[in-house]
């Protein structure tokens, strides 16, 4: 389902892929986030996604023009997962709401792995 806004000039529809791409670019800028993760359910393998495939680690749901975002992330070893998650939530909430004009109702974060950064 797409984000939908009615304005005085007409109707604006935002594709889920656009929202996911923007949210992913905001997420990887956050301290402690190594990248987005792709999970192969069959093999239970978690892969770190490259920057051009960020949307595979994010699920976007639109319900009554309110966004629900699910992030599958890999965090940096040695950082507080709680602090990283709170930072991710606040940054994504602010920037995505400003970008789209839609309110975020829920952000779920699934930590799929931990990586040591060189």
C-alpha atoms as a PDB file:
ATOM      1  CA  UNK A   1       0.000   0.000   0.000  1.00  0.00           C
ATOM      2  CA  UNK A   2       1.250   3.476  -0.775  1.00  0.00           C
ATOM      3  CA  UNK A   3       1.354   6.569   1.371  1.00  0.00           C
ATOM      4  CA  UNK A   4      -1.404   8.863   0.186  1.00  0.00           C
ATOM      5  CA  UNK A   5      -1.875  12.587   0.833  1.00  0.00           C
ATOM      6  CA  UNK A   6      -4.519  14.921  -0.494  1.00  0.00           C
ATOM      7  CA  UNK A   7      -3.399  18.507  -1.015  1.00  0.00           C
ATOM      8  CA  UNK A   8      -5.115  21.583  -2.403  1.00  0.00           C
ATOM      9  CA  UNK A   9      -3.311  20.950  -5.710  1.00  0.00           C
ATOM     10  CA  UNK A  10      -4.034  17.225  -5.996  1.00  0.00           C
ATOM     11  CA  UNK A  11      -3.148  13.787  -4.678  1.00  0.00           C
ATOM     12  CA  UNK A  12       0.360  12.602  -3.708  1.00  0.00           C
ATOM     13  CA  UNK A  13       1.206   8.897  -3.560  1.00  0.00           C
ATOM     14  CA  UNK A  14       4.539   7.732  -2.152  1.00  0.00           C
ATOM     15  CA  UNK A  15       5.663   4.217  -3.026  1.00  0.00           C
ATOM     16  CA  UNK A  16       6.814   1.961  -0.182  1.00  0.00           C
ATOM     17  CA  UNK A  17      10.141   1.440  -1.948  1.00  0.00           C
ATOM     18  CA  UNK A  18      10.867   5.183  -1.819  1.00  0.00           C
ATOM     19  CA  UNK A  19      10.124   5.301   1.906  1.00  0.00           C
ATOM     20  CA  UNK A  20      12.271   2.211   2.525  1.00  0.00           C
ATOM     21  CA  UNK A  21      15.205   3.627   0.534  1.00  0.00           C
ATOM     22  CA  UNK A  22      15.136   6.918   2.407  1.00  0.00           C
ATOM     23  CA  UNK A  23      14.683   5.249   5.819  1.00  0.00           C
ATOM     24  CA  UNK A  24      17.597   2.925   5.041  1.00  0.00           C
ATOM     25  CA  UNK A  25      19.889   5.784   4.105  1.00  0.00           C
ATOM     26  CA  UNK A  26      18.988   7.552   7.363  1.00  0.00           C
ATOM     27  CA  UNK A  27      19.522   4.352   9.378  1.00  0.00           C
ATOM     28  CA  UNK A  28      23.045   3.621   8.136  1.00  0.00           C
ATOM     29  CA  UNK A  29      24.099   7.147   9.111  1.00  0.00           C
ATOM     30  CA  UNK A  30      23.274   6.376  12.764  1.00  0.00           C
ATOM     31  CA  UNK A  31      26.092   5.637  15.184  1.00  0.00           C
ATOM     32  CA  UNK A  32      26.526   1.931  15.865  1.00  0.00           C
ATOM     33  CA  UNK A  33      24.695   0.692  12.779  1.00  0.00           C
ATOM     34  CA  UNK A  34      27.017  -1.339  10.548  1.00  0.00           C
ATOM     35  CA  UNK A  35      24.339  -1.895   7.921  1.00  0.00           C
ATOM     36  CA  UNK A  36      21.038  -3.468   7.023  1.00  0.00           C
ATOM     37  CA  UNK A  37      20.617  -7.240   7.131  1.00  0.00           C
ATOM     38  CA  UNK A  38      18.984  -9.711   4.812  1.00  0.00           C
ATOM     39  CA  UNK A  39      17.852 -12.949   6.413  1.00  0.00           C
ATOM     40  CA  UNK A  40      17.614 -16.194   4.463  1.00  0.00           C
ATOM     41  CA  UNK A  41      14.902 -18.019   6.400  1.00  0.00           C
ATOM     42  CA  UNK A  42      15.627 -21.373   4.788  1.00  0.00           C
ATOM     43  CA  UNK A  43      19.318 -21.422   5.706  1.00  0.00           C
ATOM     44  CA  UNK A  44      19.123 -19.069   8.726  1.00  0.00           C
ATOM     45  CA  UNK A  45      21.934 -17.007   7.198  1.00  0.00           C
ATOM     46  CA  UNK A  46      22.207 -13.280   7.809  1.00  0.00           C
ATOM     47  CA  UNK A  47      23.906 -11.176   5.133  1.00  0.00           C
ATOM     48  CA  UNK A  48      25.120  -7.607   5.360  1.00  0.00           C
ATOM     49  CA  UNK A  49      23.496  -5.681   2.520  1.00  0.00           C
ATOM     50  CA  UNK A  50      25.370  -3.274   0.296  1.00  0.00           C
ATOM     51  CA  UNK A  51      24.187   0.332   0.149  1.00  0.00           C
ATOM     52  CA  UNK A  52      22.316  -0.193  -3.125  1.00  0.00           C
ATOM     53  CA  UNK A  53      20.202  -3.008  -1.585  1.00  0.00           C
ATOM     54  CA  UNK A  54      19.149  -1.341   1.679  1.00  0.00           C
ATOM     55  CA  UNK A  55      15.446  -1.805   1.037  1.00  0.00           C
ATOM     56  CA  UNK A  56      15.675  -5.582   1.524  1.00  0.00           C
ATOM     57  CA  UNK A  57      16.412  -4.982   5.205  1.00  0.00           C
ATOM     58  CA  UNK A  58      13.383  -2.729   5.724  1.00  0.00           C
ATOM     59  CA  UNK A  59       9.681  -3.521   5.617  1.00  0.00           C
ATOM     60  CA  UNK A  60       7.238  -0.631   5.167  1.00  0.00           C
ATOM     61  CA  UNK A  61       3.560  -0.910   6.034  1.00  0.00           C
ATOM     62  CA  UNK A  62       1.080   1.934   5.537  1.00  0.00           C
ATOM     63  CA  UNK A  63      -2.167   1.829   7.492  1.00  0.00           C
ATOM     64  CA  UNK A  64      -4.527   4.826   7.370  1.00  0.00           C
ATOM     65  CA  UNK A  65      -1.620   7.029   6.247  1.00  0.00           C
ATOM     66  CA  UNK A  66       0.452   6.013   9.267  1.00  0.00           C
ATOM     67  CA  UNK A  67       3.755   4.252   8.751  1.00  0.00           C
ATOM     68  CA  UNK A  68       4.997   1.080  10.407  1.00  0.00           C
ATOM     69  CA  UNK A  69       8.666   0.363   9.731  1.00  0.00           C
ATOM     70  CA  UNK A  70      10.593  -2.840  10.463  1.00  0.00           C
ATOM     71  CA  UNK A  71      14.391  -2.606  10.386  1.00  0.00           C
ATOM     72  CA  UNK A  72      16.680  -5.648  10.250  1.00  0.00           C
ATOM     73  CA  UNK A  73      20.080  -4.315  11.267  1.00  0.00           C
ATOM     74  CA  UNK A  74      23.602  -5.358  12.111  1.00  0.00           C
ATOM     75  CA  UNK A  75      25.155  -3.380  14.949  1.00  0.00           C
ATOM     76  CA  UNK A  76      28.733  -2.627  15.827  1.00  0.00           C
ATOM     77  CA  UNK A  77      30.385  -4.796  18.472  1.00  0.00           C
ATOM     78  CA  UNK A  78      30.761  -3.127  21.865  1.00  0.00           C
ATOM     79  CA  UNK A  79      28.026  -0.511  21.604  1.00  0.00           C
ATOM     80  CA  UNK A  80      24.851  -0.414  23.650  1.00  0.00           C
ATOM     81  CA  UNK A  81      22.063  -1.923  21.554  1.00  0.00           C
ATOM     82  CA  UNK A  82      19.530   0.114  23.507  1.00  0.00           C
ATOM     83  CA  UNK A  83      21.363   3.391  22.803  1.00  0.00           C
ATOM     84  CA  UNK A  84      21.782   2.539  19.112  1.00  0.00           C
ATOM     85  CA  UNK A  85      18.102   1.598  18.842  1.00  0.00           C
ATOM     86  CA  UNK A  86      16.909   4.792  20.530  1.00  0.00           C
ATOM     87  CA  UNK A  87      19.158   6.859  18.249  1.00  0.00           C
ATOM     88  CA  UNK A  88      17.893   4.997  15.178  1.00  0.00           C
ATOM     89  CA  UNK A  89      14.250   5.468  16.187  1.00  0.00           C
ATOM     90  CA  UNK A  90      14.564   9.192  16.877  1.00  0.00           C
ATOM     91  CA  UNK A  91      16.548   9.949  13.689  1.00  0.00           C
ATOM     92  CA  UNK A  92      14.332   7.874  11.413  1.00  0.00           C
ATOM     93  CA  UNK A  93      11.123   9.182  12.968  1.00  0.00           C
ATOM     94  CA  UNK A  94      12.130  12.820  12.560  1.00  0.00           C
ATOM     95  CA  UNK A  95      13.668  12.601   9.078  1.00  0.00           C
ATOM     96  CA  UNK A  96      11.103  10.248   7.476  1.00  0.00           C
ATOM     97  CA  UNK A  97       8.159  12.250   8.822  1.00  0.00           C
ATOM     98  CA  UNK A  98       9.733  15.452   7.457  1.00  0.00           C
ATOM     99  CA  UNK A  99      10.497  13.790   4.107  1.00  0.00           C
ATOM    100  CA  UNK A 100       7.117  12.151   3.534  1.00  0.00           C
ATOM    101  CA  UNK A 101       4.660  14.218   5.561  1.00  0.00           C
ATOM    102  CA  UNK A 102       3.287  10.950   6.988  1.00  0.00           C
ATOM    103  CA  UNK A 103       3.329  10.114  10.691  1.00  0.00           C
ATOM    104  CA  UNK A 104       5.260   7.090  11.926  1.00  0.00           C
ATOM    105  CA  UNK A 105       3.173   5.035  14.307  1.00  0.00           C
ATOM    106  CA  UNK A 106       5.627   2.213  15.014  1.00  0.00           C
ATOM    107  CA  UNK A 107       9.263   1.321  14.404  1.00  0.00           C
ATOM    108  CA  UNK A 108      10.421  -2.235  15.113  1.00  0.00           C
ATOM    109  CA  UNK A 109      14.118  -3.026  15.196  1.00  0.00           C
ATOM    110  CA  UNK A 110      15.405  -6.570  14.740  1.00  0.00           C
ATOM    111  CA  UNK A 111      19.105  -6.911  15.542  1.00  0.00           C
ATOM    112  CA  UNK A 112      20.230  -9.727  13.253  1.00  0.00           C
ATOM    113  CA  UNK A 113      23.918  -9.653  14.030  1.00  0.00           C
ATOM    114  CA  UNK A 114      26.954  -7.961  15.521  1.00  0.00           C
ATOM    115  CA  UNK A 115      30.104  -7.081  13.605  1.00  0.00           C
ATOM    116  CA  UNK A 116      33.520  -5.842  14.653  1.00  0.00           C
ATOM    117  CA  UNK A 117      34.455  -2.669  12.805  1.00  0.00           C
ATOM    118  CA  UNK A 118      38.102  -2.246  11.797  1.00  0.00           C
END
